[in-house]
Amino acid sequence: MRFLKNLFKKEEEKPIKSYQDFWDWFLLHENEFYKIVKKGNGNKISTQFFDKIAPKLNELKEGIWYLTGMLNDTTVDLILTADGEIQNFYVIEELISAAPKLNNWKFRALKPEHEIENVGINMAGFSFTSQNIFFYSNELKDCPDEIDITIIHDDYNEDNKADIINGCYLFLDNYLGELNSLTIIDNINFKQKSEAEKELIPIEKLKSFIIWREKEFVEKYEGIRKNTENDNFASMEATLKSGHKMVAVLNTDLLNWNAKASHPWILIFEIKYNGENNNGFPDEETYNFLDLIEGEINSQLKDFEGYLNIGRETSENMREIYFACKEFRKPCKVADKILSKYSKNLEINYNIYKDKYWSSFDRFIPKDF
């Protein structure tokens, strides 16, 4: 018996380094977790289920959240959600794809979409339903591909706007699904009903509207690729407000490209180094190491596959590397691998966000262009 206890303890202490490790650990407790959720005691679900899976999920990637409840009398529904962190979508989707098939469990990646009649939220003393939320679309002359909408809630005003905005975002997450609400709509504005500039459209029509706009966008840019092998590059220098010099090397053909919206996801690596003895610039050894890292990124994010290296900027103990991408999953996965491999040598972070017109790089384009 002591041997069995020791064996169990070893399994408990085994670090979670892969999706399989997590599910192997989960299976050790599956029956216990099932009983806890089935009983429906909210406090016990929090302390005896969520508090146990949270540190295990954090070993895979921080920022994975969870929702659970009974799907029917015999099946527990476990939803893993990124809660708005786009960098974690691919981890959750891959983790769920690797889940075992269990008769009494349904595992789902990201909050699913629901029929409008099943979406109703009460939060901060306000209700959020199809009866009190409306929208209209904004046509942007300079950015025709962007899906820009204004949301109108009957109770919205300057005093309660934080609560109303949070409630509306939660409503959209449940109505459209987490994936669609975060990746298809480019901009959301909020206004009082009295300030509406167009005829109000029932929120129940939003789903069909964004599907139509996304289909239109995909068809417009379908098949577009950019081979950058023969592109032109330019070196730019500037003096920052701090007095330090900034040097950027940028693909000018890409900056002047007329199909930027085909690669709407901007990926930025931030690599910090110690340049105090070199006016904020890397020494030769560090410079070569930074080039090594960038070369590895380029080898995994290829231009003809939909990942364009726009260039880099170096100044004030920081190297930034810029990519424009057709989608967001692979760039996040590659970025996490780069961080895991090189973060012991240098501090590396990354950010990814949607910017169909690459406005992030307007500062590099001459004003008279």
Protein backbone atom coordinates (compact mmCIF):
# COMPACT_ATOMS: atom_id res chain seq x y z
CA MET A 1 0.00 0.00 0.00
CA ARG A 2 2.85 2.36 0.82
CA PHE A 3 4.29 1.69 -2.65
CA LEU A 4 0.99 2.64 -4.28
CA LYS A 5 0.78 5.85 -2.26
CA ASN A 6 4.31 6.80 -3.23
CA LEU A 7 3.54 6.07 -6.87
CA PHE A 8 0.46 8.30 -6.71
CA LYS A 9 2.48 11.06 -5.08
CA LYS A 10 5.04 10.87 -7.88
CA GLU A 11 2.30 11.30 -10.48
CA GLU A 12 0.98 14.32 -8.54
CA GLU A 13 4.38 15.98 -8.52
CA LYS A 14 5.17 15.30 -12.16
CA PRO A 15 5.55 18.66 -13.95
CA ILE A 16 3.06 19.46 -16.69
CA LYS A 17 5.17 19.97 -19.80
CA SER A 18 2.79 18.80 -22.51
CA TYR A 19 -0.89 18.47 -23.31
CA GLN A 20 -0.64 14.73 -22.65
CA ASP A 21 0.87 15.39 -19.20
CA PHE A 22 -2.13 17.54 -18.31
CA TRP A 23 -4.69 14.97 -19.42
CA ASP A 24 -2.80 12.14 -17.70
CA TRP A 25 -3.03 14.16 -14.49
CA PHE A 26 -6.70 15.02 -15.13
CA LEU A 27 -7.59 11.34 -15.56
CA LEU A 28 -6.25 10.61 -12.07
CA HIS A 29 -8.94 12.92 -10.66
CA GLU A 30 -11.65 12.66 -13.30
CA ASN A 31 -14.13 10.74 -11.16
CA GLU A 32 -13.64 13.08 -8.20
CA PHE A 33 -14.06 16.19 -10.37
CA TYR A 34 -17.15 14.73 -12.00
CA LYS A 35 -18.87 14.20 -8.64
CA ILE A 36 -18.01 17.72 -7.48
CA VAL A 37 -19.51 19.41 -10.56
CA LYS A 38 -22.55 17.12 -10.62
CA LYS A 39 -23.43 18.09 -7.04
CA GLY A 40 -23.49 21.69 -8.19
CA ASN A 41 -22.08 23.32 -5.06
CA GLY A 42 -20.51 26.52 -6.37
CA ASN A 43 -18.05 26.91 -3.49
CA LYS A 44 -16.82 23.32 -3.78
CA ILE A 45 -16.50 23.58 -7.56
CA SER A 46 -14.29 26.61 -7.02
CA THR A 47 -12.09 25.16 -4.26
CA GLN A 48 -12.02 21.45 -5.14
CA PHE A 49 -12.03 21.65 -8.94
CA PHE A 50 -10.94 25.04 -10.28
CA ASP A 51 -8.28 25.59 -7.61
CA LYS A 52 -6.77 22.23 -8.52
CA ILE A 53 -6.74 22.55 -12.31
CA ALA A 54 -5.58 26.19 -12.29
CA PRO A 55 -1.93 25.58 -11.30
CA LYS A 56 -1.70 22.64 -13.71
CA LEU A 57 -2.99 24.76 -16.61
CA ASN A 58 -0.59 27.56 -15.61
CA GLU A 59 2.29 25.14 -16.06
CA LEU A 60 1.28 24.91 -19.72
CA LYS A 61 0.51 28.61 -20.21
CA GLU A 62 -0.65 31.33 -17.87
CA GLY A 63 -3.97 32.93 -18.66
CA ILE A 64 -6.19 29.91 -19.31
CA TRP A 65 -9.58 30.23 -17.61
CA TYR A 66 -12.50 27.85 -17.30
CA LEU A 67 -16.27 27.49 -17.11
CA THR A 68 -18.15 24.38 -16.11
CA GLY A 69 -21.61 23.00 -15.41
CA MET A 70 -23.84 20.08 -16.28
CA LEU A 71 -24.67 19.86 -19.97
CA ASN A 72 -27.35 17.30 -19.11
CA ASP A 73 -28.02 14.86 -16.27
CA THR A 74 -24.88 12.82 -16.96
CA THR A 75 -22.40 15.07 -18.79
CA VAL A 76 -20.11 17.75 -17.40
CA ASP A 77 -19.34 20.60 -19.79
CA LEU A 78 -15.82 22.05 -19.32
CA ILE A 79 -15.00 25.13 -21.40
CA LEU A 80 -11.49 26.55 -21.46
CA THR A 81 -11.38 30.24 -22.33
CA ALA A 82 -8.64 32.78 -23.04
CA ASP A 83 -10.70 35.64 -21.58
CA GLY A 84 -9.61 38.00 -24.34
CA GLU A 85 -5.93 36.96 -24.56
CA ILE A 86 -5.47 36.11 -28.24
CA GLN A 87 -2.00 34.64 -27.50
CA ASN A 88 -3.64 31.75 -25.66
CA PHE A 89 -6.18 30.69 -28.29
CA TYR A 90 -3.93 28.15 -29.99
CA VAL A 91 -2.91 26.55 -26.67
CA ILE A 92 -6.52 26.06 -25.63
CA GLU A 93 -7.54 24.70 -29.04
CA GLU A 94 -4.63 22.24 -29.13
CA LEU A 95 -5.17 21.19 -25.52
CA ILE A 96 -8.84 20.42 -26.18
CA SER A 97 -7.93 18.56 -29.39
CA ALA A 98 -5.68 16.32 -27.29
CA ALA A 99 -8.40 15.62 -24.69
CA PRO A 100 -9.41 12.01 -24.03
CA LYS A 101 -12.87 10.81 -25.00
CA LEU A 102 -14.81 10.42 -21.76
CA ASN A 103 -18.47 9.41 -21.60
CA ASN A 104 -19.33 11.85 -18.82
CA TRP A 105 -17.39 14.88 -20.05
CA LYS A 106 -17.57 17.35 -22.93
CA PHE A 107 -14.44 19.48 -23.39
CA ARG A 108 -14.70 22.67 -25.44
CA ALA A 109 -12.22 25.31 -26.58
CA LEU A 110 -13.31 28.93 -26.12
CA LYS A 111 -16.76 30.18 -25.21
CA PRO A 112 -19.20 28.96 -27.90
CA GLU A 113 -21.75 31.06 -29.74
CA HIS A 114 -25.41 30.85 -28.68
CA GLU A 115 -28.72 31.55 -30.31
CA ILE A 116 -29.82 35.07 -29.46
CA GLU A 117 -32.89 33.92 -27.52
CA ASN A 118 -30.59 32.02 -25.15
CA VAL A 119 -28.38 35.01 -24.38
CA GLY A 120 -29.38 37.14 -21.43
CA ILE A 121 -27.01 38.66 -18.88
CA ASN A 122 -27.64 40.51 -15.64
CA MET A 123 -24.62 42.42 -14.41
CA ALA A 124 -23.99 45.43 -12.14
CA GLY A 125 -27.73 46.02 -11.88
CA PHE A 126 -28.29 46.13 -15.65
CA SER A 127 -29.72 43.62 -18.10
CA PHE A 128 -28.22 42.81 -21.49
CA THR A 129 -30.60 41.17 -23.96
CA SER A 130 -31.71 41.40 -27.57
CA GLN A 131 -34.43 43.78 -26.36
CA ASN A 132 -32.14 46.59 -25.21
CA ILE A 133 -29.00 46.32 -27.37
CA PHE A 134 -28.73 47.61 -30.95
CA PHE A 135 -25.98 48.42 -33.43
CA TYR A 136 -25.15 50.10 -36.70
CA SER A 137 -22.17 49.88 -39.03
CA ASN A 138 -19.73 52.70 -39.67
CA GLU A 139 -18.26 53.01 -43.17
CA LEU A 140 -14.68 54.22 -42.95
CA LYS A 141 -13.61 55.94 -46.16
CA ASP A 142 -9.89 55.39 -45.60
CA CYS A 143 -10.29 51.88 -44.15
CA PRO A 144 -13.10 50.20 -46.12
CA ASP A 145 -12.11 46.67 -45.06
CA GLU A 146 -12.52 47.31 -41.35
CA ILE A 147 -15.63 46.09 -39.55
CA ASP A 148 -16.42 49.09 -37.39
CA ILE A 149 -19.68 49.15 -35.44
CA THR A 150 -21.40 51.30 -32.86
CA ILE A 151 -23.28 49.59 -30.04
CA ILE A 152 -26.31 51.25 -28.43
CA HIS A 153 -27.64 50.07 -25.07
CA ASP A 154 -30.87 51.61 -23.82
CA ASP A 155 -29.35 52.49 -20.42
CA TYR A 156 -25.93 53.71 -21.57
CA ASN A 157 -24.78 57.11 -20.30
CA GLU A 158 -21.59 58.78 -19.09
CA ASP A 159 -22.17 57.74 -15.47
CA ASN A 160 -22.57 54.00 -16.07
CA LYS A 161 -20.60 53.51 -19.29
CA ALA A 162 -17.92 51.24 -17.73
CA ASP A 163 -20.55 48.77 -16.50
CA ILE A 164 -22.57 48.92 -19.72
CA ILE A 165 -19.51 48.44 -21.93
CA ASN A 166 -18.31 45.45 -19.90
CA GLY A 167 -21.78 43.91 -19.99
CA CYS A 168 -22.09 44.42 -23.75
CA TYR A 169 -18.73 42.77 -24.38
CA LEU A 170 -19.79 39.81 -22.28
CA PHE A 171 -23.06 39.65 -24.21
CA LEU A 172 -21.18 39.62 -27.53
CA ASP A 173 -18.85 36.87 -26.27
CA ASN A 174 -21.85 34.68 -25.54
CA TYR A 175 -23.83 35.61 -28.64
CA LEU A 176 -21.07 35.52 -31.28
CA GLY A 177 -18.71 33.15 -29.51
CA GLU A 178 -15.33 34.10 -28.09
CA LEU A 179 -13.44 33.49 -31.33
CA ASN A 180 -15.69 35.61 -33.56
CA SER A 181 -16.17 38.47 -31.14
CA LEU A 182 -12.41 38.91 -30.70
CA THR A 183 -11.11 38.24 -34.19
CA ILE A 184 -13.70 39.43 -36.72
CA ILE A 185 -14.90 42.81 -35.41
CA ASP A 186 -12.15 45.43 -35.75
CA ASN A 187 -13.58 48.33 -33.75
CA ILE A 188 -16.52 48.78 -31.39
CA ASN A 189 -17.80 52.20 -30.31
CA PHE A 190 -20.50 52.91 -27.73
CA LYS A 191 -23.01 55.78 -27.73
CA GLN A 192 -26.17 56.90 -26.04
CA LYS A 193 -29.36 56.29 -27.94
CA SER A 194 -29.90 60.04 -28.38
CA GLU A 195 -26.48 60.35 -30.06
CA ALA A 196 -27.03 57.61 -32.65
CA GLU A 197 -26.05 58.74 -36.13
CA LYS A 198 -27.85 56.01 -38.06
CA GLU A 199 -30.92 53.86 -37.88
CA LEU A 200 -30.60 51.28 -35.11
CA ILE A 201 -30.39 47.62 -36.15
CA PRO A 202 -31.50 44.84 -33.76
CA ILE A 203 -28.44 43.12 -32.27
CA GLU A 204 -29.81 39.76 -33.44
CA LYS A 205 -28.79 40.75 -36.99
CA LEU A 206 -25.15 41.35 -36.04
CA LYS A 207 -24.13 37.74 -36.56
CA SER A 208 -25.31 37.61 -40.17
CA PHE A 209 -23.77 41.04 -40.80
CA ILE A 210 -20.25 40.10 -39.67
CA ILE A 211 -20.40 36.76 -41.48
CA TRP A 212 -21.24 38.62 -44.69
CA ARG A 213 -18.48 41.21 -44.14
CA GLU A 214 -15.88 38.55 -43.31
CA LYS A 215 -16.83 36.51 -46.37
CA GLU A 216 -16.49 39.63 -48.52
CA PHE A 217 -13.06 40.33 -47.01
CA VAL A 218 -11.78 36.77 -47.51
CA GLU A 219 -12.93 36.69 -51.13
CA LYS A 220 -11.27 40.04 -51.82
CA TYR A 221 -7.85 38.89 -50.63
CA GLU A 222 -8.06 35.17 -51.36
CA GLY A 223 -4.84 33.80 -52.81
CA ILE A 224 -2.77 36.93 -52.18
CA ARG A 225 0.82 36.19 -51.16
CA LYS A 226 3.89 38.39 -51.02
CA ASN A 227 7.36 37.12 -51.79
CA THR A 228 9.79 39.60 -50.22
CA GLU A 229 13.03 38.13 -51.58
CA ASN A 230 13.61 41.00 -54.02
CA ASP A 231 12.00 43.77 -51.97
CA ASN A 232 13.73 47.06 -51.20
CA PHE A 233 14.80 47.96 -47.67
CA ALA A 234 15.73 51.31 -46.16
CA SER A 235 17.64 52.26 -43.06
CA MET A 236 16.12 55.11 -41.07
CA GLU A 237 17.61 57.09 -38.20
CA ALA A 238 15.97 59.46 -35.75
CA THR A 239 16.66 61.14 -32.44
CA LEU A 240 14.11 60.32 -29.75
CA LYS A 241 12.80 62.76 -27.14
CA SER A 242 15.19 61.19 -24.66
CA GLY A 243 18.10 62.24 -26.86
CA HIS A 244 19.00 58.66 -27.78
CA LYS A 245 19.38 57.62 -31.40
CA MET A 246 16.99 55.15 -33.03
CA VAL A 247 17.87 53.05 -36.07
CA ALA A 248 15.25 51.13 -38.05
CA VAL A 249 15.64 48.84 -41.06
CA LEU A 250 12.33 48.48 -42.91
CA ASN A 251 10.90 46.84 -46.01
CA THR A 252 9.74 49.89 -47.95
CA ASP A 253 7.95 47.81 -50.58
CA LEU A 254 5.75 46.37 -47.83
CA LEU A 255 5.13 49.77 -46.24
CA ASN A 256 3.84 51.01 -49.61
CA TRP A 257 1.94 47.82 -50.47
CA ASN A 258 -1.71 48.25 -51.49
CA ALA A 259 -2.89 44.91 -50.05
CA LYS A 260 -1.89 45.35 -46.40
CA ALA A 261 -5.29 44.26 -45.15
CA SER A 262 -4.61 40.75 -46.47
CA HIS A 263 -2.14 40.39 -43.55
CA PRO A 264 -4.11 42.04 -40.73
CA TRP A 265 -2.32 40.61 -37.67
CA ILE A 266 0.68 42.55 -36.39
CA LEU A 267 3.25 40.59 -34.39
CA ILE A 268 5.88 42.54 -32.46
CA PHE A 269 8.82 40.97 -30.64
CA GLU A 270 10.47 43.07 -27.93
CA ILE A 271 13.97 41.95 -26.98
CA LYS A 272 15.74 43.81 -24.18
CA TYR A 273 19.51 43.89 -23.81
CA ASN A 274 22.10 45.87 -21.87
CA GLY A 275 23.39 48.71 -24.03
CA GLU A 276 24.33 51.15 -21.29
CA ASN A 277 27.94 51.26 -22.37
CA ASN A 278 27.05 51.70 -26.04
CA ASN A 279 24.51 54.57 -26.07
CA GLY A 280 21.61 52.13 -25.84
CA PHE A 281 22.77 49.96 -28.75
CA PRO A 282 23.91 46.33 -28.58
CA ASP A 283 27.60 45.45 -28.61
CA GLU A 284 28.88 43.23 -31.40
CA GLU A 285 28.27 39.96 -29.54
CA THR A 286 24.74 40.95 -28.58
CA TYR A 287 24.06 42.27 -32.09
CA ASN A 288 25.00 38.91 -33.58
CA PHE A 289 22.84 37.12 -31.02
CA LEU A 290 19.86 39.32 -31.89
CA ASP A 291 20.39 38.50 -35.57
CA LEU A 292 20.49 34.80 -34.67
CA ILE A 293 17.10 35.08 -32.94
CA GLU A 294 15.59 37.02 -35.84
CA GLY A 295 16.95 34.49 -38.30
CA GLU A 296 15.27 31.67 -36.41
CA ILE A 297 11.97 33.57 -36.38
CA ASN A 298 12.24 34.14 -40.13
CA SER A 299 12.93 30.45 -40.73
CA GLN A 300 9.60 29.57 -39.09
CA LEU A 301 7.45 32.48 -40.28
CA LYS A 302 7.97 32.49 -44.04
CA ASP A 303 6.69 35.22 -46.32
CA PHE A 304 5.12 32.91 -48.93
CA GLU A 305 3.15 31.19 -46.16
CA GLY A 306 1.60 34.47 -45.04
CA TYR A 307 4.07 35.97 -42.55
CA LEU A 308 5.87 39.13 -43.65
CA ASN A 309 8.91 40.54 -41.88
CA ILE A 310 8.35 44.30 -42.07
CA GLY A 311 11.58 45.20 -40.35
CA ARG A 312 13.13 46.06 -37.02
CA GLU A 313 13.87 49.00 -34.77
CA THR A 314 16.79 49.31 -32.34
CA SER A 315 17.19 51.90 -29.61
CA GLU A 316 17.36 52.41 -25.85
CA ASN A 317 18.33 48.84 -24.93
CA MET A 318 15.54 47.35 -27.04
CA ARG A 319 15.27 45.54 -30.38
CA GLU A 320 11.76 45.34 -31.84
CA ILE A 321 11.02 43.00 -34.75
CA TYR A 322 7.85 43.53 -36.79
CA PHE A 323 5.75 41.01 -38.71
CA ALA A 324 2.41 41.26 -40.52
CA CYS A 325 0.55 37.93 -40.61
CA LYS A 326 -2.44 36.41 -42.39
CA GLU A 327 -3.57 34.69 -39.18
CA PHE A 328 -2.63 34.67 -35.50
CA ARG A 329 -2.26 31.06 -34.33
CA LYS A 330 1.10 30.03 -35.79
CA PRO A 331 2.79 33.37 -34.96
CA CYS A 332 1.79 32.97 -31.30
CA LYS A 333 3.04 29.39 -31.23
CA VAL A 334 6.36 30.35 -32.81
CA ALA A 335 6.71 33.32 -30.47
CA ASP A 336 6.16 31.16 -27.40
CA LYS A 337 8.84 28.74 -28.59
CA ILE A 338 11.27 31.62 -29.13
CA LEU A 339 10.56 32.94 -25.64
CA SER A 340 11.02 29.51 -24.11
CA LYS A 341 14.33 28.98 -25.91
CA TYR A 342 15.97 32.38 -25.47
CA SER A 343 14.41 34.06 -22.42
CA LYS A 344 17.17 32.68 -20.20
CA ASN A 345 19.62 34.82 -22.19
CA LEU A 346 17.60 37.99 -22.81
CA GLU A 347 14.25 39.36 -21.71
CA ILE A 348 11.84 38.72 -24.61
CA ASN A 349 8.16 39.58 -24.90
CA TYR A 350 5.72 39.72 -27.79
CA ASN A 351 2.39 41.24 -28.65
CA ILE A 352 -0.07 40.44 -31.43
CA TYR A 353 -3.09 42.45 -32.45
CA LYS A 354 -5.28 43.22 -35.44
CA ASP A 355 -4.41 46.27 -37.54
CA LYS A 356 -5.67 45.84 -41.10
CA TYR A 357 -4.08 49.03 -42.38
CA TRP A 358 -0.78 48.72 -40.47
CA SER A 359 -1.31 52.10 -38.81
CA SER A 360 1.30 50.98 -36.27
CA PHE A 361 3.94 51.80 -38.87
CA ASP A 362 2.63 55.16 -40.08
CA ARG A 363 5.49 56.83 -38.21
CA PHE A 364 7.93 55.28 -40.69
CA ILE A 365 6.16 56.65 -43.78
CA PRO A 366 7.18 60.18 -44.89
CA LYS A 367 4.44 62.74 -44.30
CA ASP A 368 4.44 63.81 -47.94
CA PHE A 369 4.02 60.24 -49.24
